[in-house]
Amino acid sequence: MVEDKQGWIFESAKYTMIGGGVGLMVSAFQNSFQTHNSGAMGVFTRTGGSIAYVAAMGGIFAGVKEYSRISREKDDFWNTVIGGCASGLVAGLRKKSVPAALGISVFMGGSLGLFEYLGGFDGKMGELSSIEREKALKQKFADQIDSTYL
Protein backbone atom coordinates (compact mmCIF):
# COMPACT_ATOMS: atom_id res chain seq x y z
CA MET A 1 0.00 0.00 0.00
CA VAL A 2 3.06 2.28 0.17
CA GLU A 3 2.87 2.82 -3.58
CA ASP A 4 -0.75 3.91 -3.25
CA LYS A 5 0.17 6.48 -0.58
CA GLN A 6 2.67 8.07 -2.99
CA GLY A 7 0.32 7.89 -5.99
CA TRP A 8 -0.64 11.53 -5.65
CA ILE A 9 2.94 12.56 -6.44
CA PHE A 10 2.92 10.56 -9.67
CA GLU A 11 -0.50 11.92 -10.66
CA SER A 12 0.60 15.46 -9.94
CA ALA A 13 3.78 15.08 -11.99
CA LYS A 14 1.93 13.44 -14.88
CA TYR A 15 -0.70 16.15 -15.11
CA THR A 16 1.88 18.89 -14.65
CA MET A 17 3.59 17.59 -17.78
CA ILE A 18 0.28 17.35 -19.64
CA GLY A 19 -0.61 20.85 -18.45
CA GLY A 20 2.77 22.08 -19.67
CA GLY A 21 2.01 20.74 -23.14
CA VAL A 22 -1.42 22.38 -23.14
CA GLY A 23 0.16 25.58 -21.81
CA LEU A 24 2.68 25.52 -24.66
CA MET A 25 -0.19 25.35 -27.16
CA VAL A 26 -2.00 28.20 -25.37
CA SER A 27 1.18 30.26 -25.37
CA ALA A 28 1.75 29.58 -29.08
CA PHE A 29 -1.83 30.60 -29.82
CA GLN A 30 -1.43 33.83 -27.82
CA ASN A 31 1.92 34.53 -29.47
CA SER A 32 0.50 34.09 -32.97
CA PHE A 33 -2.00 36.91 -32.46
CA GLN A 34 0.51 39.44 -31.15
CA THR A 35 2.70 41.70 -33.22
CA HIS A 36 6.33 41.77 -32.07
CA ASN A 37 9.87 41.14 -33.24
CA SER A 38 10.54 38.09 -31.04
CA GLY A 39 9.58 35.54 -33.66
CA ALA A 40 8.90 31.99 -32.55
CA MET A 41 10.81 32.54 -29.29
CA GLY A 42 7.96 34.83 -28.23
CA VAL A 43 6.18 31.64 -27.17
CA PHE A 44 8.66 31.50 -24.27
CA THR A 45 9.71 35.13 -23.82
CA ARG A 46 6.43 37.01 -24.20
CA THR A 47 3.62 34.55 -23.36
CA GLY A 48 5.65 31.83 -21.63
CA GLY A 49 3.95 32.51 -18.30
CA SER A 50 0.93 30.67 -19.67
CA ILE A 51 2.97 27.47 -19.90
CA ALA A 52 3.84 27.47 -16.20
CA TYR A 53 0.36 28.63 -15.20
CA VAL A 54 -1.50 25.84 -17.03
CA ALA A 55 1.08 23.26 -15.92
CA ALA A 56 0.62 24.32 -12.29
CA MET A 57 -3.17 24.19 -12.60
CA GLY A 58 -3.07 20.63 -13.98
CA GLY A 59 -0.58 19.41 -11.40
CA ILE A 60 -2.39 20.97 -8.46
CA PHE A 61 -5.75 19.64 -9.59
CA ALA A 62 -4.54 16.06 -10.11
CA GLY A 63 -2.32 15.99 -7.04
CA VAL A 64 -4.93 17.35 -4.65
CA LYS A 65 -7.64 15.14 -6.13
CA GLU A 66 -5.53 12.01 -5.70
CA TYR A 67 -4.31 13.04 -2.24
CA SER A 68 -7.91 13.60 -1.20
CA ARG A 69 -8.85 10.15 -2.49
CA ILE A 70 -6.05 8.55 -0.50
CA SER A 71 -6.69 10.57 2.67
CA ARG A 72 -10.46 10.13 2.67
CA GLU A 73 -10.21 6.51 1.52
CA LYS A 74 -13.14 7.14 -0.82
CA ASP A 75 -13.21 7.41 -4.59
CA ASP A 76 -16.10 9.76 -5.28
CA PHE A 77 -16.86 13.10 -6.89
CA TRP A 78 -15.92 15.04 -3.74
CA ASN A 79 -12.25 14.43 -4.52
CA THR A 80 -12.77 16.23 -7.83
CA VAL A 81 -14.54 19.09 -6.05
CA ILE A 82 -11.60 19.47 -3.65
CA GLY A 83 -9.04 19.32 -6.49
CA GLY A 84 -11.05 21.81 -8.55
CA CYS A 85 -11.27 24.21 -5.63
CA ALA A 86 -7.50 24.02 -5.09
CA SER A 87 -6.68 24.69 -8.73
CA GLY A 88 -9.31 27.41 -8.91
CA LEU A 89 -7.73 29.09 -5.91
CA VAL A 90 -4.43 29.24 -7.78
CA ALA A 91 -6.20 30.67 -10.83
CA GLY A 92 -7.79 33.36 -8.69
CA LEU A 93 -4.56 34.20 -6.90
CA ARG A 94 -2.98 35.01 -10.26
CA LYS A 95 -5.43 37.90 -10.42
CA LYS A 96 -4.17 39.09 -6.99
CA SER A 97 -7.71 39.29 -5.66
CA VAL A 98 -9.13 37.27 -2.77
CA PRO A 99 -12.75 37.56 -4.00
CA ALA A 100 -11.67 36.40 -7.46
CA ALA A 101 -9.70 33.53 -5.93
CA LEU A 102 -12.69 32.38 -3.87
CA GLY A 103 -15.13 32.81 -6.76
CA ILE A 104 -13.00 30.93 -9.26
CA SER A 105 -12.33 28.25 -6.64
CA VAL A 106 -16.04 27.68 -6.04
CA PHE A 107 -16.80 27.78 -9.76
CA MET A 108 -14.10 25.29 -10.74
CA GLY A 109 -14.76 22.97 -7.82
CA GLY A 110 -18.50 23.01 -8.45
CA SER A 111 -18.40 22.61 -12.21
CA LEU A 112 -15.71 19.90 -12.21
CA GLY A 113 -17.44 18.10 -9.34
CA LEU A 114 -20.77 18.15 -11.16
CA PHE A 115 -19.10 16.87 -14.30
CA GLU A 116 -17.52 14.01 -12.34
CA TYR A 117 -20.78 13.30 -10.49
CA LEU A 118 -22.53 12.82 -13.80
CA GLY A 119 -19.85 10.35 -14.96
CA GLY A 120 -17.57 12.70 -16.85
CA PHE A 121 -13.92 11.87 -16.27
CA ASP A 122 -14.10 8.11 -16.21
CA GLY A 123 -16.48 7.94 -19.14
CA LYS A 124 -18.49 5.29 -17.34
CA MET A 125 -21.78 6.56 -18.69
CA GLY A 126 -20.60 6.68 -22.30
CA GLU A 127 -20.15 2.93 -22.37
CA LEU A 128 -23.75 2.26 -21.30
CA SER A 129 -26.84 2.12 -23.46
CA SER A 130 -29.45 4.83 -22.90
CA ILE A 131 -31.59 2.49 -20.77
CA GLU A 132 -28.62 1.38 -18.64
CA ARG A 133 -27.49 5.03 -18.31
CA GLU A 134 -30.92 6.12 -17.06
CA LYS A 135 -31.00 3.22 -14.60
CA ALA A 136 -27.48 4.02 -13.33
CA LEU A 137 -28.31 7.72 -12.84
CA LYS A 138 -31.51 6.89 -10.95
CA GLN A 139 -29.56 4.50 -8.72
CA LYS A 140 -26.80 7.08 -8.19
CA PHE A 141 -29.29 9.76 -7.15
CA ALA A 142 -31.16 7.31 -4.91
CA ASP A 143 -27.91 6.25 -3.22
CA GLN A 144 -26.95 9.90 -2.68
CA ILE A 145 -30.32 10.72 -1.11
CA ASP A 146 -30.19 7.61 1.10
CA SER A 147 -26.68 8.41 2.36
CA THR A 148 -27.60 12.05 2.98
CA TYR A 149 -30.69 11.39 5.07
CA LEU A 150 -29.67 8.20 6.91
C-alpha atoms as a PDB file:
ATOM      1  CA  MET A   1       0.000   0.000   0.000  1.00  0.00           C
ATOM      2  CA  VAL A   2       3.059   2.282   0.171  1.00  0.00           C
ATOM      3  CA  GLU A   3       2.874   2.818  -3.584  1.00  0.00           C
ATOM      4  CA  ASP A   4      -0.750   3.914  -3.248  1.00  0.00           C
ATOM      5  CA  LYS A   5       0.166   6.484  -0.585  1.00  0.00           C
ATOM      6  CA  GLN A   6       2.668   8.066  -2.985  1.00  0.00           C
ATOM      7  CA  GLY A   7       0.318   7.891  -5.987  1.00  0.00           C
ATOM      8  CA  TRP A   8      -0.640  11.531  -5.650  1.00  0.00           C
ATOM      9  CA  ILE A   9       2.944  12.562  -6.440  1.00  0.00           C
ATOM     10  CA  PHE A  10       2.918  10.559  -9.673  1.00  0.00           C
ATOM     11  CA  GLU A  11      -0.503  11.917 -10.664  1.00  0.00           C
ATOM     12  CA  SER A  12       0.602  15.461  -9.941  1.00  0.00           C
ATOM     13  CA  ALA A  13       3.777  15.081 -11.995  1.00  0.00           C
ATOM     14  CA  LYS A  14       1.927  13.438 -14.880  1.00  0.00           C
ATOM     15  CA  TYR A  15      -0.698  16.155 -15.106  1.00  0.00           C
ATOM     16  CA  THR A  16       1.884  18.888 -14.653  1.00  0.00           C
ATOM     17  CA  MET A  17       3.590  17.588 -17.782  1.00  0.00           C
ATOM     18  CA  ILE A  18       0.283  17.352 -19.640  1.00  0.00           C
ATOM     19  CA  GLY A  19      -0.608  20.851 -18.453  1.00  0.00           C
ATOM     20  CA  GLY A  20       2.769  22.082 -19.671  1.00  0.00           C
ATOM     21  CA  GLY A  21       2.006  20.742 -23.142  1.00  0.00           C
ATOM     22  CA  VAL A  22      -1.415  22.384 -23.144  1.00  0.00           C
ATOM     23  CA  GLY A  23       0.165  25.581 -21.808  1.00  0.00           C
ATOM     24  CA  LEU A  24       2.680  25.517 -24.659  1.00  0.00           C
ATOM     25  CA  MET A  25      -0.186  25.346 -27.156  1.00  0.00           C
ATOM     26  CA  VAL A  26      -1.997  28.196 -25.367  1.00  0.00           C
ATOM     27  CA  SER A  27       1.184  30.261 -25.369  1.00  0.00           C
ATOM     28  CA  ALA A  28       1.748  29.576 -29.077  1.00  0.00           C
ATOM     29  CA  PHE A  29      -1.825  30.600 -29.821  1.00  0.00           C
ATOM     30  CA  GLN A  30      -1.428  33.832 -27.819  1.00  0.00           C
ATOM     31  CA  ASN A  31       1.915  34.527 -29.473  1.00  0.00           C
ATOM     32  CA  SER A  32       0.497  34.090 -32.968  1.00  0.00           C
ATOM     33  CA  PHE A  33      -1.998  36.910 -32.456  1.00  0.00           C
ATOM     34  CA  GLN A  34       0.509  39.444 -31.145  1.00  0.00           C
ATOM     35  CA  THR A  35       2.699  41.705 -33.219  1.00  0.00           C
ATOM     36  CA  HIS A  36       6.327  41.766 -32.072  1.00  0.00           C
ATOM     37  CA  ASN A  37       9.872  41.145 -33.236  1.00  0.00           C
ATOM     38  CA  SER A  38      10.535  38.091 -31.043  1.00  0.00           C
ATOM     39  CA  GLY A  39       9.577  35.538 -33.663  1.00  0.00           C
ATOM     40  CA  ALA A  40       8.899  31.995 -32.548  1.00  0.00           C
ATOM     41  CA  MET A  41      10.813  32.544 -29.290  1.00  0.00           C
ATOM     42  CA  GLY A  42       7.961  34.833 -28.232  1.00  0.00           C
ATOM     43  CA  VAL A  43       6.180  31.639 -27.167  1.00  0.00           C
ATOM     44  CA  PHE A  44       8.663  31.496 -24.272  1.00  0.00           C
ATOM     45  CA  THR A  45       9.712  35.135 -23.822  1.00  0.00           C
ATOM     46  CA  ARG A  46       6.427  37.010 -24.197  1.00  0.00           C
ATOM     47  CA  THR A  47       3.623  34.552 -23.363  1.00  0.00           C
ATOM     48  CA  GLY A  48       5.652  31.833 -21.628  1.00  0.00           C
ATOM     49  CA  GLY A  49       3.946  32.505 -18.297  1.00  0.00           C
ATOM     50  CA  SER A  50       0.931  30.669 -19.665  1.00  0.00           C
ATOM     51  CA  ILE A  51       2.965  27.472 -19.898  1.00  0.00           C
ATOM     52  CA  ALA A  52       3.838  27.467 -16.199  1.00  0.00           C
ATOM     53  CA  TYR A  53       0.363  28.626 -15.201  1.00  0.00           C
ATOM     54  CA  VAL A  54      -1.496  25.844 -17.029  1.00  0.00           C
ATOM     55  CA  ALA A  55       1.084  23.258 -15.918  1.00  0.00           C
ATOM     56  CA  ALA A  56       0.621  24.316 -12.288  1.00  0.00           C
ATOM     57  CA  MET A  57      -3.168  24.186 -12.604  1.00  0.00           C
ATOM     58  CA  GLY A  58      -3.068  20.631 -13.981  1.00  0.00           C
ATOM     59  CA  GLY A  59      -0.583  19.413 -11.398  1.00  0.00           C
ATOM     60  CA  ILE A  60      -2.393  20.968  -8.457  1.00  0.00           C
ATOM     61  CA  PHE A  61      -5.755  19.635  -9.591  1.00  0.00           C
ATOM     62  CA  ALA A  62      -4.544  16.062 -10.113  1.00  0.00           C
ATOM     63  CA  GLY A  63      -2.318  15.991  -7.037  1.00  0.00           C
ATOM     64  CA  VAL A  64      -4.925  17.347  -4.646  1.00  0.00           C
ATOM     65  CA  LYS A  65      -7.643  15.139  -6.135  1.00  0.00           C
ATOM     66  CA  GLU A  66      -5.530  12.013  -5.702  1.00  0.00           C
ATOM     67  CA  TYR A  67      -4.305  13.039  -2.239  1.00  0.00           C
ATOM     68  CA  SER A  68      -7.909  13.600  -1.203  1.00  0.00           C
ATOM     69  CA  ARG A  69      -8.852  10.150  -2.488  1.00  0.00           C
ATOM     70  CA  ILE A  70      -6.049   8.546  -0.498  1.00  0.00           C
ATOM     71  CA  SER A  71      -6.692  10.575   2.674  1.00  0.00           C
ATOM     72  CA  ARG A  72     -10.457  10.131   2.670  1.00  0.00           C
ATOM     73  CA  GLU A  73     -10.205   6.508   1.523  1.00  0.00           C
ATOM     74  CA  LYS A  74     -13.138   7.138  -0.817  1.00  0.00           C
ATOM     75  CA  ASP A  75     -13.208   7.410  -4.585  1.00  0.00           C
ATOM     76  CA  ASP A  76     -16.100   9.759  -5.279  1.00  0.00           C
ATOM     77  CA  PHE A  77     -16.860  13.097  -6.891  1.00  0.00           C
ATOM     78  CA  TRP A  78     -15.916  15.037  -3.741  1.00  0.00           C
ATOM     79  CA  ASN A  79     -12.253  14.431  -4.523  1.00  0.00           C
ATOM     80  CA  THR A  80     -12.774  16.226  -7.828  1.00  0.00           C
ATOM     81  CA  VAL A  81     -14.538  19.088  -6.047  1.00  0.00           C
ATOM     82  CA  ILE A  82     -11.598  19.465  -3.650  1.00  0.00           C
ATOM     83  CA  GLY A  83      -9.039  19.322  -6.492  1.00  0.00           C
ATOM     84  CA  GLY A  84     -11.053  21.812  -8.551  1.00  0.00           C
ATOM     85  CA  CYS A  85     -11.272  24.214  -5.629  1.00  0.00           C
ATOM     86  CA  ALA A  86      -7.503  24.019  -5.085  1.00  0.00           C
ATOM     87  CA  SER A  87      -6.675  24.688  -8.726  1.00  0.00           C
ATOM     88  CA  GLY A  88      -9.314  27.412  -8.907  1.00  0.00           C
ATOM     89  CA  LEU A  89      -7.734  29.095  -5.905  1.00  0.00           C
ATOM     90  CA  VAL A  90      -4.433  29.235  -7.779  1.00  0.00           C
ATOM     91  CA  ALA A  91      -6.200  30.669 -10.828  1.00  0.00           C
ATOM     92  CA  GLY A  92      -7.787  33.357  -8.688  1.00  0.00           C
ATOM     93  CA  LEU A  93      -4.564  34.202  -6.896  1.00  0.00           C
ATOM     94  CA  ARG A  94      -2.979  35.006 -10.260  1.00  0.00           C
ATOM     95  CA  LYS A  95      -5.428  37.896 -10.421  1.00  0.00           C
ATOM     96  CA  LYS A  96      -4.173  39.087  -6.993  1.00  0.00           C
ATOM     97  CA  SER A  97      -7.710  39.289  -5.662  1.00  0.00           C
ATOM     98  CA  VAL A  98      -9.125  37.266  -2.768  1.00  0.00           C
ATOM     99  CA  PRO A  99     -12.748  37.565  -3.999  1.00  0.00           C
ATOM    100  CA  ALA A 100     -11.666  36.396  -7.458  1.00  0.00           C
ATOM    101  CA  ALA A 101      -9.704  33.527  -5.927  1.00  0.00           C
ATOM    102  CA  LEU A 102     -12.690  32.381  -3.875  1.00  0.00           C
ATOM    103  CA  GLY A 103     -15.130  32.809  -6.759  1.00  0.00           C
ATOM    104  CA  ILE A 104     -13.002  30.925  -9.258  1.00  0.00           C
ATOM    105  CA  SER A 105     -12.327  28.247  -6.641  1.00  0.00           C
ATOM    106  CA  VAL A 106     -16.037  27.681  -6.038  1.00  0.00           C
ATOM    107  CA  PHE A 107     -16.801  27.779  -9.759  1.00  0.00           C
ATOM    108  CA  MET A 108     -14.102  25.290 -10.744  1.00  0.00           C
ATOM    109  CA  GLY A 109     -14.765  22.967  -7.823  1.00  0.00           C
ATOM    110  CA  GLY A 110     -18.500  23.013  -8.450  1.00  0.00           C
ATOM    111  CA  SER A 111     -18.397  22.610 -12.206  1.00  0.00           C
ATOM    112  CA  LEU A 112     -15.710  19.897 -12.212  1.00  0.00           C
ATOM    113  CA  GLY A 113     -17.439  18.100  -9.339  1.00  0.00           C
ATOM    114  CA  LEU A 114     -20.765  18.155 -11.156  1.00  0.00           C
ATOM    115  CA  PHE A 115     -19.096  16.870 -14.298  1.00  0.00           C
ATOM    116  CA  GLU A 116     -17.518  14.009 -12.336  1.00  0.00           C
ATOM    117  CA  TYR A 117     -20.775  13.302 -10.491  1.00  0.00           C
ATOM    118  CA  LEU A 118     -22.528  12.818 -13.804  1.00  0.00           C
ATOM    119  CA  GLY A 119     -19.850  10.345 -14.959  1.00  0.00           C
ATOM    120  CA  GLY A 120     -17.567  12.702 -16.852  1.00  0.00           C
ATOM    121  CA  PHE A 121     -13.915  11.868 -16.265  1.00  0.00           C
ATOM    122  CA  ASP A 122     -14.099   8.110 -16.207  1.00  0.00           C
ATOM    123  CA  GLY A 123     -16.478   7.941 -19.141  1.00  0.00           C
ATOM    124  CA  LYS A 124     -18.493   5.291 -17.341  1.00  0.00           C
ATOM    125  CA  MET A 125     -21.775   6.563 -18.688  1.00  0.00           C
ATOM    126  CA  GLY A 126     -20.597   6.682 -22.295  1.00  0.00           C
ATOM    127  CA  GLU A 127     -20.154   2.930 -22.372  1.00  0.00           C
ATOM    128  CA  LEU A 128     -23.747   2.258 -21.301  1.00  0.00           C
ATOM    129  CA  SER A 129     -26.837   2.125 -23.456  1.00  0.00           C
ATOM    130  CA  SER A 130     -29.452   4.825 -22.904  1.00  0.00           C
ATOM    131  CA  ILE A 131     -31.593   2.493 -20.765  1.00  0.00           C
ATOM    132  CA  GLU A 132     -28.619   1.385 -18.639  1.00  0.00           C
ATOM    133  CA  ARG A 133     -27.486   5.025 -18.314  1.00  0.00           C
ATOM    134  CA  GLU A 134     -30.919   6.115 -17.061  1.00  0.00           C
ATOM    135  CA  LYS A 135     -30.997   3.217 -14.598  1.00  0.00           C
ATOM    136  CA  ALA A 136     -27.480   4.019 -13.333  1.00  0.00           C
ATOM    137  CA  LEU A 137     -28.308   7.720 -12.836  1.00  0.00           C
ATOM    138  CA  LYS A 138     -31.506   6.894 -10.949  1.00  0.00           C
ATOM    139  CA  GLN A 139     -29.557   4.497  -8.716  1.00  0.00           C
ATOM    140  CA  LYS A 140     -26.798   7.077  -8.186  1.00  0.00           C
ATOM    141  CA  PHE A 141     -29.291   9.763  -7.152  1.00  0.00           C
ATOM    142  CA  ALA A 142     -31.162   7.307  -4.914  1.00  0.00           C
ATOM    143  CA  ASP A 143     -27.908   6.252  -3.217  1.00  0.00           C
ATOM    144  CA  GLN A 144     -26.954   9.903  -2.681  1.00  0.00           C
ATOM    145  CA  ILE A 145     -30.321  10.717  -1.112  1.00  0.00           C
ATOM    146  CA  ASP A 146     -30.186   7.609   1.101  1.00  0.00           C
ATOM    147  CA  SER A 147     -26.678   8.412   2.356  1.00  0.00           C
ATOM    148  CA  THR A 148     -27.605  12.049   2.984  1.00  0.00           C
ATOM    149  CA  TYR A 149     -30.690  11.392   5.070  1.00  0.00           C
ATOM    150  CA  LEU A 150     -29.674   8.200   6.907  1.00  0.00           C
END
